[in-house]
Amino acid sequence: MVKPIELKSVCGCCTIRERCLPAGLSDEEVLVIDQYMEHRLPVKKGELLYSQGDPLEALFAISTGSFKTLILHEDGRSQITGFQLSGEIMGLDAISNERHTCDAIALEDSTVCKIPFDSFEELESEMSRLQHNFNKTLSSEIVKDHNLMLLLGSMRAEEKMAAFLINLSQRFHARQQSASELVLRMTREDMGNYLGLKLETVSRILSRFAEEGLITVQGRHITLIDEKKLHSVTISA
């Protein structure tokens, strides 16, 4: 990590404030949090935010860009465990054992805001709304893990891909981005790794969805044409 870019923008005027931990906090409370934050730290595409085994030092809120998290196995294999977008919190994996259980890698040039974890715990004990937001974040992580288990364990290949695209669409929409025009920052290899599918299977399913009029595909640009039918794939493939 390099030194933060000097910007006037802080939590109080950040465009993702209501999707981040300060959501619902008073301006006075946000000013207090600002004193502990390092804002807009740049992370270049392909750069590690933290590595598996690193000690817990801080939590990170993605300001711009996106990341992937992956676990490295002893035999050299890797498993992607998630893709994180702006407004989402990273570093939660280390809270239990005080060491990170995965690598976090930028999928594109990104920026993050950093708060030391010990400082965050102090603030959390003093601000009930911050504690509430953090509990919601932890709960969403549990749900995310549950959904990943469903994807990898009980869904067919077509169902996995449809559910993946729908999930991205919903997350883009929550960020006031187009819910139908998806720009995928991850590679198809990454998608396959995450979903437990081979690269050729990912390509075959995307081509099939395009032939059936569900989507159009141009490189990493995917347009959802028939979202209702795409939803139906998740329960009837």
Protein backbone atom coordinates (compact mmCIF):
# COMPACT_ATOMS: atom_id res chain seq x y z
CA MET A 1 0.00 0.00 0.00
CA VAL A 2 1.21 3.49 -0.77
CA LYS A 3 0.44 6.75 0.96
CA PRO A 4 -3.15 8.04 0.67
CA ILE A 5 -4.05 10.51 -2.04
CA GLU A 6 -4.74 13.90 -0.50
CA LEU A 7 -8.41 14.59 -1.21
CA LYS A 8 -10.98 16.79 0.46
CA SER A 9 -13.54 14.00 0.25
CA VAL A 10 -14.16 12.22 3.56
CA CYS A 11 -16.92 10.02 4.97
CA GLY A 12 -19.35 12.92 5.38
CA CYS A 13 -19.47 13.73 1.67
CA CYS A 14 -18.62 10.31 0.25
CA THR A 15 -21.04 9.08 -2.42
CA ILE A 16 -21.17 5.60 -0.87
CA ARG A 17 -21.69 6.76 2.71
CA GLU A 18 -25.17 5.21 2.96
CA ARG A 19 -23.88 1.82 1.79
CA CYS A 20 -20.90 1.84 4.14
CA LEU A 21 -20.42 1.55 7.90
CA PRO A 22 -21.25 5.26 8.61
CA ALA A 23 -24.77 4.82 7.17
CA GLY A 24 -27.32 6.52 9.40
CA LEU A 25 -24.75 8.14 11.68
CA SER A 26 -25.01 11.80 12.60
CA ASP A 27 -22.63 14.29 11.01
CA GLU A 28 -20.92 14.66 14.38
CA GLU A 29 -20.35 10.91 14.66
CA VAL A 30 -19.03 10.76 11.11
CA LEU A 31 -16.54 13.51 11.94
CA VAL A 32 -15.26 11.41 14.83
CA ILE A 33 -14.81 8.39 12.56
CA ASP A 34 -12.99 10.56 10.02
CA GLN A 35 -10.24 11.19 12.56
CA TYR A 36 -9.35 7.50 12.57
CA MET A 37 -9.70 6.82 8.84
CA GLU A 38 -7.16 6.84 6.06
CA HIS A 39 -9.16 7.82 2.99
CA ARG A 40 -8.85 6.78 -0.64
CA LEU A 41 -5.77 4.59 -0.40
CA PRO A 42 -4.93 3.47 -3.95
CA VAL A 43 -4.62 -0.22 -4.77
CA LYS A 44 -3.46 -1.02 -8.29
CA LYS A 45 -4.99 -3.79 -10.40
CA GLY A 46 -3.48 -7.11 -9.34
CA GLU A 47 -2.10 -5.70 -6.09
CA LEU A 48 -2.69 -7.44 -2.77
CA LEU A 49 -4.65 -5.55 -0.13
CA TYR A 50 -3.70 -8.25 2.39
CA SER A 51 -2.47 -11.83 2.22
CA GLN A 52 -3.57 -15.10 3.74
CA GLY A 53 -1.89 -15.41 7.14
CA ASP A 54 -1.37 -11.67 7.66
CA PRO A 55 -2.30 -10.45 11.17
CA LEU A 56 -5.48 -8.43 11.59
CA GLU A 57 -4.60 -4.75 11.64
CA ALA A 58 -7.48 -2.92 9.99
CA LEU A 59 -10.80 -3.08 8.19
CA PHE A 60 -11.16 -1.70 4.68
CA ALA A 61 -14.15 -0.11 2.95
CA ILE A 62 -13.98 -0.22 -0.84
CA SER A 63 -14.44 3.32 -2.10
CA THR A 64 -14.00 2.63 -5.81
CA GLY A 65 -13.20 -0.46 -7.82
CA SER A 66 -13.52 -4.13 -6.97
CA PHE A 67 -11.63 -7.06 -5.45
CA LYS A 68 -11.60 -10.83 -5.33
CA THR A 69 -10.78 -12.96 -2.32
CA LEU A 70 -9.19 -16.38 -2.64
CA ILE A 71 -7.86 -19.16 -0.46
CA LEU A 72 -4.57 -20.85 -1.31
CA HIS A 73 -4.42 -24.56 -0.53
CA GLU A 74 -1.27 -26.41 0.48
CA ASP A 75 -1.20 -28.30 -2.83
CA GLY A 76 -1.04 -25.03 -4.75
CA ARG A 77 -4.68 -24.88 -5.79
CA SER A 78 -6.66 -21.70 -5.20
CA GLN A 79 -10.37 -21.18 -4.56
CA ILE A 80 -12.01 -17.82 -5.14
CA THR A 81 -14.43 -17.16 -2.30
CA GLY A 82 -16.01 -13.90 -3.42
CA PHE A 83 -16.01 -10.70 -5.44
CA GLN A 84 -16.31 -7.44 -3.52
CA LEU A 85 -17.68 -4.14 -4.85
CA SER A 86 -17.69 -0.50 -3.72
CA GLY A 87 -19.25 0.09 -0.32
CA GLU A 88 -18.43 -3.39 0.93
CA ILE A 89 -16.17 -4.08 3.91
CA MET A 90 -13.06 -6.22 3.67
CA GLY A 91 -10.93 -7.79 6.38
CA LEU A 92 -13.78 -9.42 8.29
CA ASP A 93 -12.27 -12.87 7.74
CA ALA A 94 -9.50 -12.11 10.23
CA ILE A 95 -11.67 -11.16 13.21
CA SER A 96 -12.11 -14.70 14.55
CA ASN A 97 -8.46 -15.80 14.68
CA GLU A 98 -6.84 -12.38 14.23
CA ARG A 99 -5.24 -13.52 10.97
CA HIS A 100 -6.53 -13.25 7.43
CA THR A 101 -7.78 -16.50 5.95
CA CYS A 102 -7.55 -15.37 2.33
CA ASP A 103 -5.79 -13.11 -0.15
CA ALA A 104 -7.58 -9.95 -1.29
CA ILE A 105 -6.58 -8.85 -4.80
CA ALA A 106 -7.73 -5.79 -6.75
CA LEU A 107 -9.55 -6.66 -9.98
CA GLU A 108 -8.99 -3.11 -11.26
CA ASP A 109 -7.37 0.09 -10.05
CA SER A 110 -9.26 0.70 -6.82
CA THR A 111 -9.31 2.83 -3.68
CA VAL A 112 -10.10 1.82 -0.12
CA CYS A 113 -10.62 3.58 3.19
CA LYS A 114 -8.77 2.03 6.12
CA ILE A 115 -9.53 2.08 9.83
CA PRO A 116 -7.37 0.33 12.47
CA PHE A 117 -9.39 -2.48 14.01
CA ASP A 118 -8.62 -1.53 17.61
CA SER A 119 -9.83 2.02 16.90
CA PHE A 120 -12.94 0.63 15.24
CA GLU A 121 -13.76 -1.48 18.29
CA GLU A 122 -13.52 1.59 20.52
CA LEU A 123 -15.82 3.58 18.23
CA GLU A 124 -18.24 0.69 17.95
CA SER A 125 -18.62 0.54 21.73
CA GLU A 126 -19.53 4.23 21.78
CA MET A 127 -21.86 4.39 18.75
CA SER A 128 -24.84 2.04 18.80
CA ARG A 129 -25.67 2.75 15.16
CA LEU A 130 -22.16 1.85 14.07
CA GLN A 131 -22.41 -1.38 16.03
CA HIS A 132 -25.78 -2.08 14.37
CA ASN A 133 -24.30 -1.51 10.90
CA PHE A 134 -21.38 -3.77 11.69
CA ASN A 135 -23.69 -6.54 12.89
CA LYS A 136 -25.64 -6.24 9.63
CA THR A 137 -22.39 -6.52 7.71
CA LEU A 138 -21.39 -9.66 9.61
CA SER A 139 -24.84 -11.13 9.01
CA SER A 140 -24.61 -10.46 5.29
CA GLU A 141 -21.27 -12.28 5.23
CA ILE A 142 -22.91 -15.33 6.81
CA VAL A 143 -25.66 -15.21 4.18
CA LYS A 144 -23.03 -14.85 1.45
CA ASP A 145 -21.20 -17.94 2.70
CA HIS A 146 -24.49 -19.85 2.82
CA ASN A 147 -25.31 -18.85 -0.75
CA LEU A 148 -21.87 -19.93 -1.91
CA MET A 149 -22.45 -23.36 -0.37
CA LEU A 150 -25.73 -23.59 -2.29
CA LEU A 151 -24.02 -22.55 -5.52
CA LEU A 152 -21.25 -25.10 -5.21
CA GLY A 153 -23.26 -27.91 -3.70
CA SER A 154 -26.79 -28.11 -5.02
CA MET A 155 -27.14 -26.09 -8.23
CA ARG A 156 -26.57 -27.23 -11.78
CA ALA A 157 -24.12 -25.35 -13.97
CA GLU A 158 -26.81 -23.25 -15.71
CA GLU A 159 -28.41 -22.39 -12.37
CA LYS A 160 -25.06 -21.30 -10.95
CA MET A 161 -24.37 -18.94 -13.85
CA ALA A 162 -27.88 -17.46 -13.83
CA ALA A 163 -27.75 -16.91 -10.06
CA PHE A 164 -24.31 -15.31 -10.39
CA LEU A 165 -25.47 -12.83 -13.05
CA ILE A 166 -28.64 -11.99 -11.12
CA ASN A 167 -26.64 -11.39 -7.95
CA LEU A 168 -24.28 -9.03 -9.78
CA SER A 169 -27.25 -7.22 -11.31
CA GLN A 170 -28.81 -6.67 -7.89
CA ARG A 171 -25.54 -5.44 -6.41
CA PHE A 172 -24.95 -3.05 -9.33
CA HIS A 173 -28.48 -1.70 -8.92
CA ALA A 174 -27.88 -1.09 -5.21
CA ARG A 175 -24.93 1.08 -6.24
CA GLN A 176 -27.09 3.13 -8.60
CA GLN A 177 -25.44 1.52 -11.60
CA SER A 178 -27.21 -0.16 -14.48
CA ALA A 179 -28.79 -3.44 -13.40
CA SER A 180 -28.85 -4.74 -16.97
CA GLU A 181 -25.52 -3.50 -18.37
CA LEU A 182 -22.88 -5.48 -16.50
CA VAL A 183 -19.17 -4.82 -16.90
CA LEU A 184 -17.39 -7.83 -15.44
CA ARG A 185 -14.01 -7.05 -13.93
CA MET A 186 -13.28 -10.69 -13.24
CA THR A 187 -12.12 -13.09 -15.96
CA ARG A 188 -14.12 -16.09 -17.09
CA GLU A 189 -11.50 -18.24 -15.40
CA ASP A 190 -12.27 -16.39 -12.15
CA MET A 191 -15.99 -16.92 -12.65
CA GLY A 192 -15.46 -20.62 -13.24
CA ASN A 193 -13.21 -20.96 -10.21
CA TYR A 194 -15.77 -19.25 -7.99
CA LEU A 195 -18.70 -21.28 -9.33
CA GLY A 196 -16.87 -24.59 -9.48
CA LEU A 197 -17.10 -24.75 -13.28
CA LYS A 198 -14.54 -25.35 -16.00
CA LEU A 199 -13.67 -22.45 -18.32
CA GLU A 200 -15.26 -24.17 -21.31
CA THR A 201 -18.45 -24.71 -19.31
CA VAL A 202 -18.63 -21.00 -18.45
CA SER A 203 -18.18 -20.06 -22.12
CA ARG A 204 -20.71 -22.66 -23.26
CA ILE A 205 -23.40 -21.48 -20.84
CA LEU A 206 -22.91 -17.81 -21.68
CA SER A 207 -23.19 -18.67 -25.39
CA ARG A 208 -26.32 -20.70 -24.72
CA PHE A 209 -27.91 -17.86 -22.73
CA ALA A 210 -27.11 -15.51 -25.62
CA GLU A 211 -28.60 -17.88 -28.20
CA GLU A 212 -31.79 -18.13 -26.12
CA GLY A 213 -32.09 -14.34 -25.94
CA LEU A 214 -31.46 -14.05 -22.21
CA ILE A 215 -28.29 -11.98 -22.55
CA THR A 216 -25.87 -10.47 -25.04
CA VAL A 217 -22.14 -10.89 -24.60
CA GLN A 218 -19.38 -8.61 -25.87
CA GLY A 219 -16.14 -9.49 -24.15
CA ARG A 220 -16.61 -8.62 -20.48
CA HIS A 221 -19.75 -6.61 -21.21
CA ILE A 222 -22.91 -8.61 -20.55
CA THR A 223 -26.39 -7.17 -21.10
CA LEU A 224 -29.34 -8.84 -19.41
CA ILE A 225 -32.14 -8.97 -22.00
CA ASP A 226 -34.74 -11.21 -20.37
CA GLU A 227 -34.23 -11.02 -16.61
CA LYS A 228 -37.49 -12.84 -15.85
CA LYS A 229 -36.44 -15.85 -17.89
CA LEU A 230 -32.97 -15.71 -16.37
CA HIS A 231 -34.58 -15.87 -12.92
CA SER A 232 -36.56 -18.92 -14.01
CA VAL A 233 -33.34 -20.72 -14.93
CA THR A 234 -32.28 -20.71 -11.27
CA ILE A 235 -35.22 -22.90 -10.32
CA SER A 236 -35.87 -24.96 -13.43
CA ALA A 237 -32.56 -25.71 -15.13
